[in-house]
Amino acid sequence: MVPLTVARMTVANLLKMARCCSGRSGTASLMIRNSSSPSRSSDSTVHVCLEGGGTATIGTQVLEFGRRDIFVVPSWQAFSLAAREDSILFSFSDRPVQQVLGLWREQRLD
């Protein structure tokens, strides 16, 4: 199993990526205040923390994240978020392609 890591980006690169992807399907901004219920889905998702910080639980691994951190949730891995403070995450995935092909699946694990 490949260990999951958190990468860091410069603010300029984050803004460039957000401008490049804004308005395209498969992108989203998430505001988290508390915690999310665990779920898993067939798409893989890249999350970028723009503000705040917290904990991402991906499968059995727990990752601390903060401003400018990037983490990836692989396909069909249990995933939940817990915020230390109000946080904004930018994310993008291959969900739109999977939905068009009729392949996308999601399961709530609570």
PDB file of N, CA and C in Angstrom:
ATOM      1  N   MET A   1       0.832  -1.170   0.000  1.00  0.00           N
ATOM      2  CA  MET A   1       0.000   0.000   0.000  1.00  0.00           C
ATOM      3  C   MET A   1       0.886   1.246   0.000  1.00  0.00           C
ATOM      4  N   VAL A   2       0.558   2.200  -0.843  1.00  0.00           N
ATOM      5  CA  VAL A   2       1.319   3.437  -0.951  1.00  0.00           C
ATOM      6  C   VAL A   2       0.890   4.384   0.168  1.00  0.00           C
ATOM      7  N   PRO A   3       1.829   4.929   0.938  1.00  0.00           N
ATOM      8  CA  PRO A   3       1.432   5.844   2.011  1.00  0.00           C
ATOM      9  C   PRO A   3       0.860   7.142   1.437  1.00  0.00           C
ATOM     10  N   LEU A   4      -0.148   7.676   2.095  1.00  0.00           N
ATOM     11  CA  LEU A   4      -0.740   8.938   1.677  1.00  0.00           C
ATOM     12  C   LEU A   4       0.069  10.069   2.279  1.00  0.00           C
ATOM     13  N   THR A   5       0.282  11.116   1.510  1.00  0.00           N
ATOM     14  CA  THR A   5       1.057  12.245   1.993  1.00  0.00           C
ATOM     15  C   THR A   5       0.302  13.541   1.742  1.00  0.00           C
ATOM     16  N   VAL A   6       0.695  14.562   2.434  1.00  0.00           N
ATOM     17  CA  VAL A   6       0.158  15.896   2.226  1.00  0.00           C
ATOM     18  C   VAL A   6       1.260  16.717   1.587  1.00  0.00           C
ATOM     19  N   ALA A   7       0.956  17.368   0.460  1.00  0.00           N
ATOM     20  CA  ALA A   7       1.928  18.202  -0.240  1.00  0.00           C
ATOM     21  C   ALA A   7       1.621  19.668   0.039  1.00  0.00           C
ATOM     22  N   ARG A   8       2.599  20.516  -0.155  1.00  0.00           N
ATOM     23  CA  ARG A   8       2.392  21.958   0.039  1.00  0.00           C
ATOM     24  C   ARG A   8       2.583  22.687  -1.289  1.00  0.00           C
ATOM     25  N   MET A   9       1.765  23.724  -1.489  1.00  0.00           N
ATOM     26  CA  MET A   9       1.857  24.555  -2.693  1.00  0.00           C
ATOM     27  C   MET A   9       1.984  26.009  -2.293  1.00  0.00           C
ATOM     28  N   THR A  10       2.482  26.821  -3.217  1.00  0.00           N
ATOM     29  CA  THR A  10       2.518  28.257  -2.972  1.00  0.00           C
ATOM     30  C   THR A  10       1.127  28.833  -3.206  1.00  0.00           C
ATOM     31  N   VAL A  11       0.849  29.965  -2.608  1.00  0.00           N
ATOM     32  CA  VAL A  11      -0.446  30.614  -2.789  1.00  0.00           C
ATOM     33  C   VAL A  11      -0.666  30.953  -4.262  1.00  0.00           C
ATOM     34  N   ALA A  12       0.366  31.401  -4.955  1.00  0.00           N
ATOM     35  CA  ALA A  12       0.242  31.746  -6.378  1.00  0.00           C
ATOM     36  C   ALA A  12      -0.209  30.539  -7.195  1.00  0.00           C
ATOM     37  N   ASN A  13       0.381  29.370  -6.934  1.00  0.00           N
ATOM     38  CA  ASN A  13      -0.017  28.161  -7.666  1.00  0.00           C
ATOM     39  C   ASN A  13      -1.434  27.743  -7.323  1.00  0.00           C
ATOM     40  N   LEU A  14      -1.835  27.890  -6.048  1.00  0.00           N
ATOM     41  CA  LEU A  14      -3.203  27.567  -5.663  1.00  0.00           C
ATOM     42  C   LEU A  14      -4.198  28.455  -6.400  1.00  0.00           C
ATOM     43  N   LEU A  15      -3.929  29.750  -6.445  1.00  0.00           N
ATOM     44  CA  LEU A  15      -4.840  30.669  -7.125  1.00  0.00           C
ATOM     45  C   LEU A  15      -4.885  30.395  -8.619  1.00  0.00           C
ATOM     46  N   LYS A  16      -3.732  30.079  -9.209  1.00  0.00           N
ATOM     47  CA  LYS A  16      -3.692  29.744 -10.633  1.00  0.00           C
ATOM     48  C   LYS A  16      -4.541  28.508 -10.911  1.00  0.00           C
ATOM     49  N   MET A  17      -4.429  27.483 -10.065  1.00  0.00           N
ATOM     50  CA  MET A  17      -5.205  26.268 -10.240  1.00  0.00           C
ATOM     51  C   MET A  17      -6.698  26.553 -10.069  1.00  0.00           C
ATOM     52  N   ALA A  18      -7.063  27.360  -9.076  1.00  0.00           N
ATOM     53  CA  ALA A  18      -8.465  27.685  -8.848  1.00  0.00           C
ATOM     54  C   ALA A  18      -9.045  28.451 -10.034  1.00  0.00           C
ATOM     55  N   ARG A  19      -8.291  29.408 -10.593  1.00  0.00           N
ATOM     56  CA  ARG A  19      -8.773  30.160 -11.759  1.00  0.00           C
ATOM     57  C   ARG A  19      -8.914  29.248 -12.964  1.00  0.00           C
ATOM     58  N   CYS A  20      -7.960  28.354 -13.145  1.00  0.00           N
ATOM     59  CA  CYS A  20      -7.970  27.436 -14.284  1.00  0.00           C
ATOM     60  C   CYS A  20      -9.170  26.496 -14.234  1.00  0.00           C
ATOM     61  N   CYS A  21      -9.500  26.032 -13.050  1.00  0.00           N
ATOM     62  CA  CYS A  21     -10.546  25.018 -12.912  1.00  0.00           C
ATOM     63  C   CYS A  21     -11.920  25.589 -12.586  1.00  0.00           C
ATOM     64  N   SER A  22     -12.011  26.859 -12.174  1.00  0.00           N
ATOM     65  CA  SER A  22     -13.307  27.371 -11.741  1.00  0.00           C
ATOM     66  C   SER A  22     -14.302  27.342 -12.889  1.00  0.00           C
ATOM     67  N   GLY A  23     -15.510  26.918 -12.577  1.00  0.00           N
ATOM     68  CA  GLY A  23     -16.564  26.851 -13.572  1.00  0.00           C
ATOM     69  C   GLY A  23     -16.582  25.560 -14.366  1.00  0.00           C
ATOM     70  N   ARG A  24     -15.596  24.741 -14.241  1.00  0.00           N
ATOM     71  CA  ARG A  24     -15.595  23.453 -14.946  1.00  0.00           C
ATOM     72  C   ARG A  24     -16.255  22.401 -14.078  1.00  0.00           C
ATOM     73  N   SER A  25     -16.895  21.437 -14.724  1.00  0.00           N
ATOM     74  CA  SER A  25     -17.517  20.388 -13.929  1.00  0.00           C
ATOM     75  C   SER A  25     -16.434  19.541 -13.275  1.00  0.00           C
ATOM     76  N   GLY A  26     -16.781  18.992 -12.133  1.00  0.00           N
ATOM     77  CA  GLY A  26     -15.822  18.180 -11.391  1.00  0.00           C
ATOM     78  C   GLY A  26     -15.041  18.974 -10.370  1.00  0.00           C
ATOM     79  N   THR A  27     -15.332  20.285 -10.243  1.00  0.00           N
ATOM     80  CA  THR A  27     -14.651  21.099  -9.247  1.00  0.00           C
ATOM     81  C   THR A  27     -15.655  21.568  -8.208  1.00  0.00           C
ATOM     82  N   ALA A  28     -15.177  21.794  -6.999  1.00  0.00           N
ATOM     83  CA  ALA A  28     -16.065  22.255  -5.935  1.00  0.00           C
ATOM     84  C   ALA A  28     -15.252  22.946  -4.859  1.00  0.00           C
ATOM     85  N   SER A  29     -15.901  23.848  -4.155  1.00  0.00           N
ATOM     86  CA  SER A  29     -15.319  24.441  -2.959  1.00  0.00           C
ATOM     87  C   SER A  29     -16.132  23.952  -1.776  1.00  0.00           C
ATOM     88  N   LEU A  30     -15.463  23.485  -0.743  1.00  0.00           N
ATOM     89  CA  LEU A  30     -16.133  22.968   0.437  1.00  0.00           C
ATOM     90  C   LEU A  30     -15.831  23.854   1.623  1.00  0.00           C
ATOM     91  N   MET A  31     -16.849  24.211   2.376  1.00  0.00           N
ATOM     92  CA  MET A  31     -16.656  24.930   3.639  1.00  0.00           C
ATOM     93  C   MET A  31     -16.951  23.917   4.731  1.00  0.00           C
ATOM     94  N   ILE A  32     -15.981  23.624   5.576  1.00  0.00           N
ATOM     95  CA  ILE A  32     -16.220  22.682   6.666  1.00  0.00           C
ATOM     96  C   ILE A  32     -16.084  23.406   7.994  1.00  0.00           C
ATOM     97  N   ARG A  33     -17.003  23.114   8.898  1.00  0.00           N
ATOM     98  CA  ARG A  33     -16.985  23.742  10.213  1.00  0.00           C
ATOM     99  C   ARG A  33     -16.823  22.718  11.324  1.00  0.00           C
ATOM    100  N   ASN A  34     -17.375  21.563  11.184  1.00  0.00           N
ATOM    101  CA  ASN A  34     -17.302  20.538  12.226  1.00  0.00           C
ATOM    102  C   ASN A  34     -16.649  19.290  11.655  1.00  0.00           C
ATOM    103  N   SER A  35     -17.460  18.280  11.371  1.00  0.00           N
ATOM    104  CA  SER A  35     -16.931  17.053  10.782  1.00  0.00           C
ATOM    105  C   SER A  35     -17.956  16.489   9.816  1.00  0.00           C
ATOM    106  N   SER A  36     -17.484  15.661   8.910  1.00  0.00           N
ATOM    107  CA  SER A  36     -18.365  15.034   7.932  1.00  0.00           C
ATOM    108  C   SER A  36     -18.545  13.560   8.276  1.00  0.00           C
ATOM    109  N   SER A  37     -19.655  13.005   7.840  1.00  0.00           N
ATOM    110  CA  SER A  37     -19.896  11.567   8.015  1.00  0.00           C
ATOM    111  C   SER A  37     -19.024  10.800   7.034  1.00  0.00           C
ATOM    112  N   PRO A  38     -18.530   9.634   7.430  1.00  0.00           N
ATOM    113  CA  PRO A  38     -17.696   8.855   6.515  1.00  0.00           C
ATOM    114  C   PRO A  38     -18.498   8.354   5.313  1.00  0.00           C
ATOM    115  N   SER A  39     -17.844   8.370   4.163  1.00  0.00           N
ATOM    116  CA  SER A  39     -18.442   7.847   2.936  1.00  0.00           C
ATOM    117  C   SER A  39     -17.311   7.397   2.022  1.00  0.00           C
ATOM    118  N   ARG A  40     -17.671   6.740   0.950  1.00  0.00           N
ATOM    119  CA  ARG A  40     -16.695   6.381  -0.071  1.00  0.00           C
ATOM    120  C   ARG A  40     -17.387   6.447  -1.422  1.00  0.00           C
ATOM    121  N   SER A  41     -16.598   6.688  -2.460  1.00  0.00           N
ATOM    122  CA  SER A  41     -17.160   6.771  -3.803  1.00  0.00           C
ATOM    123  C   SER A  41     -16.142   6.265  -4.814  1.00  0.00           C
ATOM    124  N   SER A  42     -16.611   6.035  -6.026  1.00  0.00           N
ATOM    125  CA  SER A  42     -15.745   5.443  -7.041  1.00  0.00           C
ATOM    126  C   SER A  42     -14.804   6.445  -7.688  1.00  0.00           C
ATOM    127  N   ASP A  43     -15.044   7.749  -7.504  1.00  0.00           N
ATOM    128  CA  ASP A  43     -14.134   8.740  -8.078  1.00  0.00           C
ATOM    129  C   ASP A  43     -12.941   8.986  -7.158  1.00  0.00           C
ATOM    130  N   SER A  44     -11.862   9.466  -7.729  1.00  0.00           N
ATOM    131  CA  SER A  44     -10.701   9.908  -6.961  1.00  0.00           C
ATOM    132  C   SER A  44     -10.767  11.428  -6.891  1.00  0.00           C
ATOM    133  N   THR A  45     -10.467  12.003  -5.728  1.00  0.00           N
ATOM    134  CA  THR A  45     -10.620  13.439  -5.544  1.00  0.00           C
ATOM    135  C   THR A  45      -9.359  14.052  -4.968  1.00  0.00           C
ATOM    136  N   VAL A  46      -8.957  15.190  -5.535  1.00  0.00           N
ATOM    137  CA  VAL A  46      -7.838  15.974  -5.030  1.00  0.00           C
ATOM    138  C   VAL A  46      -8.418  17.132  -4.235  1.00  0.00           C
ATOM    139  N   HIS A  47      -7.968  17.325  -3.007  1.00  0.00           N
ATOM    140  CA  HIS A  47      -8.419  18.419  -2.143  1.00  0.00           C
ATOM    141  C   HIS A  47      -7.247  19.350  -1.873  1.00  0.00           C
ATOM    142  N   VAL A  48      -7.524  20.664  -1.928  1.00  0.00           N
ATOM    143  CA  VAL A  48      -6.530  21.689  -1.616  1.00  0.00           C
ATOM    144  C   VAL A  48      -7.122  22.559  -0.516  1.00  0.00           C
ATOM    145  N   CYS A  49      -6.415  22.692   0.581  1.00  0.00           N
ATOM    146  CA  CYS A  49      -6.886  23.536   1.683  1.00  0.00           C
ATOM    147  C   CYS A  49      -6.482  24.979   1.403  1.00  0.00           C
ATOM    148  N   LEU A  50      -7.478  25.846   1.201  1.00  0.00           N
ATOM    149  CA  LEU A  50      -7.218  27.256   0.944  1.00  0.00           C
ATOM    150  C   LEU A  50      -7.162  28.063   2.230  1.00  0.00           C
ATOM    151  N   GLU A  51      -7.982  27.691   3.207  1.00  0.00           N
ATOM    152  CA  GLU A  51      -8.004  28.373   4.507  1.00  0.00           C
ATOM    153  C   GLU A  51      -8.315  27.359   5.591  1.00  0.00           C
ATOM    154  N   GLY A  52      -7.835  27.621   6.802  1.00  0.00           N
ATOM    155  CA  GLY A  52      -8.167  26.786   7.948  1.00  0.00           C
ATOM    156  C   GLY A  52      -7.306  25.552   8.040  1.00  0.00           C
ATOM    157  N   GLY A  53      -7.881  24.497   8.597  1.00  0.00           N
ATOM    158  CA  GLY A  53      -7.153  23.244   8.768  1.00  0.00           C
ATOM    159  C   GLY A  53      -7.988  22.239   9.521  1.00  0.00           C
ATOM    160  N   GLY A  54      -7.517  21.013   9.545  1.00  0.00           N
ATOM    161  CA  GLY A  54      -8.251  19.963  10.233  1.00  0.00           C
ATOM    162  C   GLY A  54      -7.609  18.615  10.020  1.00  0.00           C
ATOM    163  N   THR A  55      -8.438  17.603  10.060  1.00  0.00           N
ATOM    164  CA  THR A  55      -7.995  16.223   9.931  1.00  0.00           C
ATOM    165  C   THR A  55      -8.804  15.533   8.847  1.00  0.00           C
ATOM    166  N   ALA A  56      -8.120  14.831   7.955  1.00  0.00           N
ATOM    167  CA  ALA A  56      -8.767  14.002   6.939  1.00  0.00           C
ATOM    168  C   ALA A  56      -8.476  12.547   7.285  1.00  0.00           C
ATOM    169  N   THR A  57      -9.519  11.750   7.400  1.00  0.00           N
ATOM    170  CA  THR A  57      -9.349  10.312   7.614  1.00  0.00           C
ATOM    171  C   THR A  57      -9.635   9.632   6.289  1.00  0.00           C
ATOM    172  N   ILE A  58      -8.614   8.965   5.740  1.00  0.00           N
ATOM    173  CA  ILE A  58      -8.711   8.297   4.448  1.00  0.00           C
ATOM    174  C   ILE A  58      -8.356   6.837   4.670  1.00  0.00           C
ATOM    175  N   GLY A  59      -9.352   5.976   4.553  1.00  0.00           N
ATOM    176  CA  GLY A  59      -9.132   4.573   4.897  1.00  0.00           C
ATOM    177  C   GLY A  59      -8.807   4.492   6.377  1.00  0.00           C
ATOM    178  N   THR A  60      -7.652   3.951   6.714  1.00  0.00           N
ATOM    179  CA  THR A  60      -7.233   3.851   8.117  1.00  0.00           C
ATOM    180  C   THR A  60      -6.202   4.912   8.493  1.00  0.00           C
ATOM    181  N   GLN A  61      -5.820   5.756   7.529  1.00  0.00           N
ATOM    182  CA  GLN A  61      -4.807   6.780   7.786  1.00  0.00           C
ATOM    183  C   GLN A  61      -5.453   8.109   8.163  1.00  0.00           C
ATOM    184  N   VAL A  62      -4.874   8.776   9.139  1.00  0.00           N
ATOM    185  CA  VAL A  62      -5.343  10.083   9.577  1.00  0.00           C
ATOM    186  C   VAL A  62      -4.283  11.110   9.204  1.00  0.00           C
ATOM    187  N   LEU A  63      -4.688  12.134   8.435  1.00  0.00           N
ATOM    188  CA  LEU A  63      -3.769  13.169   7.976  1.00  0.00           C
ATOM    189  C   LEU A  63      -4.195  14.520   8.538  1.00  0.00           C
ATOM    190  N   GLU A  64      -3.252  15.241   9.116  1.00  0.00           N
ATOM    191  CA  GLU A  64      -3.499  16.621   9.525  1.00  0.00           C
ATOM    192  C   GLU A  64      -3.256  17.494   8.297  1.00  0.00           C
ATOM    193  N   PHE A  65      -4.145  18.455   8.035  1.00  0.00           N
ATOM    194  CA  PHE A  65      -3.933  19.361   6.921  1.00  0.00           C
ATOM    195  C   PHE A  65      -4.149  20.796   7.364  1.00  0.00           C
ATOM    196  N   GLY A  66      -3.515  21.692   6.643  1.00  0.00           N
ATOM    197  CA  GLY A  66      -3.630  23.125   6.904  1.00  0.00           C
ATOM    198  C   GLY A  66      -3.566  23.888   5.603  1.00  0.00           C
ATOM    199  N   ARG A  67      -3.515  25.194   5.708  1.00  0.00           N
ATOM    200  CA  ARG A  67      -3.477  26.064   4.540  1.00  0.00           C
ATOM    201  C   ARG A  67      -2.353  25.649   3.584  1.00  0.00           C
ATOM    202  N   ARG A  68      -2.675  25.564   2.298  1.00  0.00           N
ATOM    203  CA  ARG A  68      -1.778  25.203   1.197  1.00  0.00           C
ATOM    204  C   ARG A  68      -1.422  23.724   1.140  1.00  0.00           C
ATOM    205  N   ASP A  69      -2.066  22.883   1.919  1.00  0.00           N
ATOM    206  CA  ASP A  69      -1.826  21.439   1.834  1.00  0.00           C
ATOM    207  C   ASP A  69      -2.733  20.824   0.772  1.00  0.00           C
ATOM    208  N   ILE A  70      -2.240  19.772   0.158  1.00  0.00           N
ATOM    209  CA  ILE A  70      -2.980  19.034  -0.866  1.00  0.00           C
ATOM    210  C   ILE A  70      -3.008  17.578  -0.458  1.00  0.00           C
ATOM    211  N   PHE A  71      -4.182  16.944  -0.581  1.00  0.00           N
ATOM    212  CA  PHE A  71      -4.251  15.505  -0.341  1.00  0.00           C
ATOM    213  C   PHE A  71      -5.235  14.879  -1.313  1.00  0.00           C
ATOM    214  N   VAL A  72      -5.046  13.607  -1.585  1.00  0.00           N
ATOM    215  CA  VAL A  72      -5.853  12.877  -2.561  1.00  0.00           C
ATOM    216  C   VAL A  72      -6.601  11.762  -1.854  1.00  0.00           C
ATOM    217  N   VAL A  73      -7.872  11.625  -2.209  1.00  0.00           N
ATOM    218  CA  VAL A  73      -8.674  10.518  -1.706  1.00  0.00           C
ATOM    219  C   VAL A  73      -8.827   9.531  -2.866  1.00  0.00           C
ATOM    220  N   PRO A  74      -8.174   8.363  -2.787  1.00  0.00           N
ATOM    221  CA  PRO A  74      -8.270   7.374  -3.867  1.00  0.00           C
ATOM    222  C   PRO A  74      -9.673   6.783  -3.973  1.00  0.00           C
ATOM    223  N   SER A  75      -9.935   6.196  -5.096  1.00  0.00           N
ATOM    224  CA  SER A  75     -11.222   5.564  -5.366  1.00  0.00           C
ATOM    225  C   SER A  75     -11.592   4.532  -4.303  1.00  0.00           C
ATOM    226  N   TRP A  76     -12.826   4.592  -3.863  1.00  0.00           N
ATOM    227  CA  TRP A  76     -13.468   3.640  -2.958  1.00  0.00           C
ATOM    228  C   TRP A  76     -12.781   3.511  -1.590  1.00  0.00           C
ATOM    229  N   GLN A  77     -12.141   4.587  -1.135  1.00  0.00           N
ATOM    230  CA  GLN A  77     -11.574   4.628   0.212  1.00  0.00           C
ATOM    231  C   GLN A  77     -12.529   5.380   1.126  1.00  0.00           C
ATOM    232  N   ALA A  78     -12.740   4.863   2.320  1.00  0.00           N
ATOM    233  CA  ALA A  78     -13.564   5.575   3.297  1.00  0.00           C
ATOM    234  C   ALA A  78     -12.906   6.920   3.578  1.00  0.00           C
ATOM    235  N   PHE A  79     -13.736   7.982   3.669  1.00  0.00           N
ATOM    236  CA  PHE A  79     -13.208   9.336   3.796  1.00  0.00           C
ATOM    237  C   PHE A  79     -14.107  10.183   4.680  1.00  0.00           C
ATOM    238  N   SER A  80     -13.492  10.930   5.590  1.00  0.00           N
ATOM    239  CA  SER A  80     -14.240  11.911   6.390  1.00  0.00           C
ATOM    240  C   SER A  80     -13.312  13.058   6.749  1.00  0.00           C
ATOM    241  N   LEU A  81     -13.908  14.207   7.045  1.00  0.00           N
ATOM    242  CA  LEU A  81     -13.165  15.410   7.415  1.00  0.00           C
ATOM    243  C   LEU A  81     -13.588  15.880   8.787  1.00  0.00           C
ATOM    244  N   ALA A  82     -12.658  16.445   9.535  1.00  0.00           N
ATOM    245  CA  ALA A  82     -12.951  17.103  10.806  1.00  0.00           C
ATOM    246  C   ALA A  82     -12.157  18.402  10.822  1.00  0.00           C
ATOM    247  N   ALA A  83     -12.839  19.524  11.033  1.00  0.00           N
ATOM    248  CA  ALA A  83     -12.188  20.833  10.995  1.00  0.00           C
ATOM    249  C   ALA A  83     -11.724  21.258  12.380  1.00  0.00           C
ATOM    250  N   ARG A  84     -10.528  21.818  12.468  1.00  0.00           N
ATOM    251  CA  ARG A  84     -10.041  22.449  13.699  1.00  0.00           C
ATOM    252  C   ARG A  84     -10.609  23.853  13.811  1.00  0.00           C
ATOM    253  N   GLU A  85     -10.881  24.452  12.655  1.00  0.00           N
ATOM    254  CA  GLU A  85     -11.404  25.808  12.548  1.00  0.00           C
ATOM    255  C   GLU A  85     -12.176  25.885  11.229  1.00  0.00           C
ATOM    256  N   ASP A  86     -12.913  26.972  10.994  1.00  0.00           N
ATOM    257  CA  ASP A  86     -13.587  27.121   9.713  1.00  0.00           C
ATOM    258  C   ASP A  86     -12.559  26.960   8.606  1.00  0.00           C
ATOM    259  N   SER A  87     -12.845  26.099   7.628  1.00  0.00           N
ATOM    260  CA  SER A  87     -11.881  25.768   6.590  1.00  0.00           C
ATOM    261  C   SER A  87     -12.542  25.793   5.224  1.00  0.00           C
ATOM    262  N   ILE A  88     -11.770  26.167   4.222  1.00  0.00           N
ATOM    263  CA  ILE A  88     -12.239  26.119   2.835  1.00  0.00           C
ATOM    264  C   ILE A  88     -11.319  25.194   2.061  1.00  0.00           C
ATOM    265  N   LEU A  89     -11.915  24.182   1.436  1.00  0.00           N
ATOM    266  CA  LEU A  89     -11.179  23.241   0.600  1.00  0.00           C
ATOM    267  C   LEU A  89     -11.658  23.376  -0.837  1.00  0.00           C
ATOM    268  N   PHE A  90     -10.729  23.410  -1.771  1.00  0.00           N
ATOM    269  CA  PHE A  90     -11.036  23.351  -3.196  1.00  0.00           C
ATOM    270  C   PHE A  90     -10.774  21.921  -3.621  1.00  0.00           C
ATOM    271  N   SER A  91     -11.693  21.316  -4.373  1.00  0.00           N
ATOM    272  CA  SER A  91     -11.478  19.931  -4.787  1.00  0.00           C
ATOM    273  C   SER A  91     -11.869  19.737  -6.242  1.00  0.00           C
ATOM    274  N   PHE A  92     -11.261  18.730  -6.854  1.00  0.00           N
ATOM    275  CA  PHE A  92     -11.643  18.331  -8.205  1.00  0.00           C
ATOM    276  C   PHE A  92     -11.482  16.823  -8.335  1.00  0.00           C
ATOM    277  N   SER A  93     -12.312  16.228  -9.217  1.00  0.00           N
ATOM    278  CA  SER A  93     -12.301  14.775  -9.348  1.00  0.00           C
ATOM    279  C   SER A  93     -12.729  14.359 -10.755  1.00  0.00           C
ATOM    280  N   ASP A  94     -12.731  13.054 -10.960  1.00  0.00           N
ATOM    281  CA  ASP A  94     -13.181  12.491 -12.229  1.00  0.00           C
ATOM    282  C   ASP A  94     -14.654  12.053 -12.150  1.00  0.00           C
ATOM    283  N   ARG A  95     -15.395  12.549 -11.168  1.00  0.00           N
ATOM    284  CA  ARG A  95     -16.796  12.179 -10.994  1.00  0.00           C
ATOM    285  C   ARG A  95     -17.653  12.455 -12.238  1.00  0.00           C
ATOM    286  N   PRO A  96     -17.538  13.636 -12.903  1.00  0.00           N
ATOM    287  CA  PRO A  96     -18.404  13.894 -14.058  1.00  0.00           C
ATOM    288  C   PRO A  96     -18.260  12.850 -15.171  1.00  0.00           C
ATOM    289  N   VAL A  97     -17.037  12.429 -15.432  1.00  0.00           N
ATOM    290  CA  VAL A  97     -16.811  11.416 -16.466  1.00  0.00           C
ATOM    291  C   VAL A  97     -17.450  10.094 -16.050  1.00  0.00           C
ATOM    292  N   GLN A  98     -17.256   9.710 -14.785  1.00  0.00           N
ATOM    293  CA  GLN A  98     -17.854   8.462 -14.305  1.00  0.00           C
ATOM    294  C   GLN A  98     -19.375   8.524 -14.342  1.00  0.00           C
ATOM    295  N   GLN A  99     -19.957   9.692 -14.025  1.00  0.00           N
ATOM    296  CA  GLN A  99     -21.416   9.817 -14.069  1.00  0.00           C
ATOM    297  C   GLN A  99     -21.942   9.671 -15.491  1.00  0.00           C
ATOM    298  N   VAL A 100     -21.279  10.299 -16.466  1.00  0.00           N
ATOM    299  CA  VAL A 100     -21.709  10.190 -17.859  1.00  0.00           C
ATOM    300  C   VAL A 100     -21.643   8.744 -18.342  1.00  0.00           C
ATOM    301  N   LEU A 101     -20.622   8.025 -17.904  1.00  0.00           N
ATOM    302  CA  LEU A 101     -20.463   6.627 -18.310  1.00  0.00           C
ATOM    303  C   LEU A 101     -21.308   5.664 -17.480  1.00  0.00           C
ATOM    304  N   GLY A 102     -22.001   6.184 -16.472  1.00  0.00           N
ATOM    305  CA  GLY A 102     -22.822   5.335 -15.614  1.00  0.00           C
ATOM    306  C   GLY A 102     -22.024   4.479 -14.655  1.00  0.00           C
ATOM    307  N   LEU A 103     -20.806   4.921 -14.319  1.00  0.00           N
ATOM    308  CA  LEU A 103     -19.916   4.130 -13.467  1.00  0.00           C
ATOM    309  C   LEU A 103     -19.815   4.641 -12.035  1.00  0.00           C
ATOM    310  N   TRP A 104     -20.248   5.890 -11.790  1.00  0.00           N
ATOM    311  CA  TRP A 104     -20.041   6.500 -10.479  1.00  0.00           C
ATOM    312  C   TRP A 104     -20.945   5.860  -9.420  1.00  0.00           C
ATOM    313  N   ARG A 105     -20.354   5.561  -8.261  1.00  0.00           N
ATOM    314  CA  ARG A 105     -21.079   4.983  -7.135  1.00  0.00           C
ATOM    315  C   ARG A 105     -20.644   5.693  -5.859  1.00  0.00           C
ATOM    316  N   GLU A 106     -21.546   5.744  -4.863  1.00  0.00           N
ATOM    317  CA  GLU A 106     -21.234   6.338  -3.578  1.00  0.00           C
ATOM    318  C   GLU A 106     -21.909   5.520  -2.493  1.00  0.00           C
ATOM    319  N   GLN A 107     -21.248   5.409  -1.344  1.00  0.00           N
ATOM    320  CA  GLN A 107     -21.807   4.682  -0.202  1.00  0.00           C
ATOM    321  C   GLN A 107     -21.553   5.488   1.064  1.00  0.00           C
ATOM    322  N   ARG A 108     -22.613   5.769   1.806  1.00  0.00           N
ATOM    323  CA  ARG A 108     -22.493   6.419   3.122  1.00  0.00           C
ATOM    324  C   ARG A 108     -22.163   5.337   4.137  1.00  0.00           C
ATOM    325  N   LEU A 109     -21.238   5.616   5.041  1.00  0.00           N
ATOM    326  CA  LEU A 109     -20.766   4.594   5.977  1.00  0.00           C
ATOM    327  C   LEU A 109     -21.135   4.869   7.423  1.00  0.00           C
ATOM    328  N   ASP A 110     -22.085   5.769   7.679  1.00  0.00           N
ATOM    329  CA  ASP A 110     -22.419   6.090   9.070  1.00  0.00           C
ATOM    330  C   ASP A 110     -23.405   5.132   9.676  1.00  0.00           C
TER     331      ASP A 110
END
